[in-house]
Structures are given as C-alpha cells and as structure tokens.
Amino acid sequence: MRTCLILTVVLFFTGQLYAQSPVLTKAELDSIYQVNIKLSKINGVYIPANITEAFLRLETLTPKDALDNFKNAEEKTVCKKLHFGIGRWMIINWNFYEGSRLSHYLKEKGLLHPDDMAQFLLRTFHRHLNGNDLEQKRIVDELAEARKKHAQELINN
C-alpha cells in the first residue's frame, strides 16, 4: 500500500513538471521577438504593419452597427468599456506580449505595455472614425504618464 502511495505521488508531481512550460531566458525571448516583428501572420492571424492597416482590419472585422455604436459613444467611456473585449482581442491576436510588427511599430512610438498599445489603438480608432485629429503623441504621453503614476503608487504602497 505504501509503495503504491509513493508511486502515485511521484507520478503526480512528475506529470506536473512536464505540464509546465519551460522558462525562457531573456536571449530566447529577444530571439522570438526579433522573428515575430518581421512576420505578416502569427498563428494564422494577419498582423497589421501600422496604425492605418490596424484601422482597416478593425473596420473589416467589426459589424457596421457595432462600428456605429463605437463611433457615436463618448471616447474615454467606450474605450474603457471595450478594453477587455476588443482590446484583449488585439493584445492576444496581434501578439503584443511576444512581439509582432504592430507591437514593434507601437513600441517605437513610446508604448511599452500591451494594455497601453490596445488603449492607444482604441482611442485613435475612435478619433479616426469621427474624422478627428488622432493626436497620437498626446495619447502616447498620457498613457506613459498614467503607467508611470501607477508604478509609483505600487512602490509607495
């Protein structure tokens, strides 16, 4: 009985070890990033090269009535509400964590966090649909300042 119990415990923990993904080194992550930023498709999903292509993809993928609702809503409210919907979709499908040509493009604008990248795209897309000035630099600065403030609050608490 005791041998059976020990064997069960060993098999259980061994199985858990194999189920975990390996920890990648910084060099391995950088290597994956360098490959990803050159790909037009990742996991079968087209990756826009820039903001213009991102807008075109969003317009193509979104039903007309949903686009109208998004366009006609107040910017900050609708972008906040959609962050965990279409925002998460962009983060995951456009590969913002592991890198993609779009995330690299946004990173070069000063957006370093995937959530900020999604929020930037939502806000500029809303402005694009309404024919307003995108004010990209101002949005990047606002998001960077909010990220910095949040980090400082975490340090202080």
Foldseek 3Di string as FASTA:
>chain_A
DVVVVVVVVVVVVVVVVVPDDDDDDPVVLVVLQVVALPDQADPRFGADQELVVVLVVCVVVDDPVVLVVLLPDDQVVSLVVCCVPVVVVCCVRNVLPSHHNHNVRVVVLPDNDSSLSSSLSSNLSSCVVVVHDSPSNVSNVVSVVVVVVVVVVVVVD
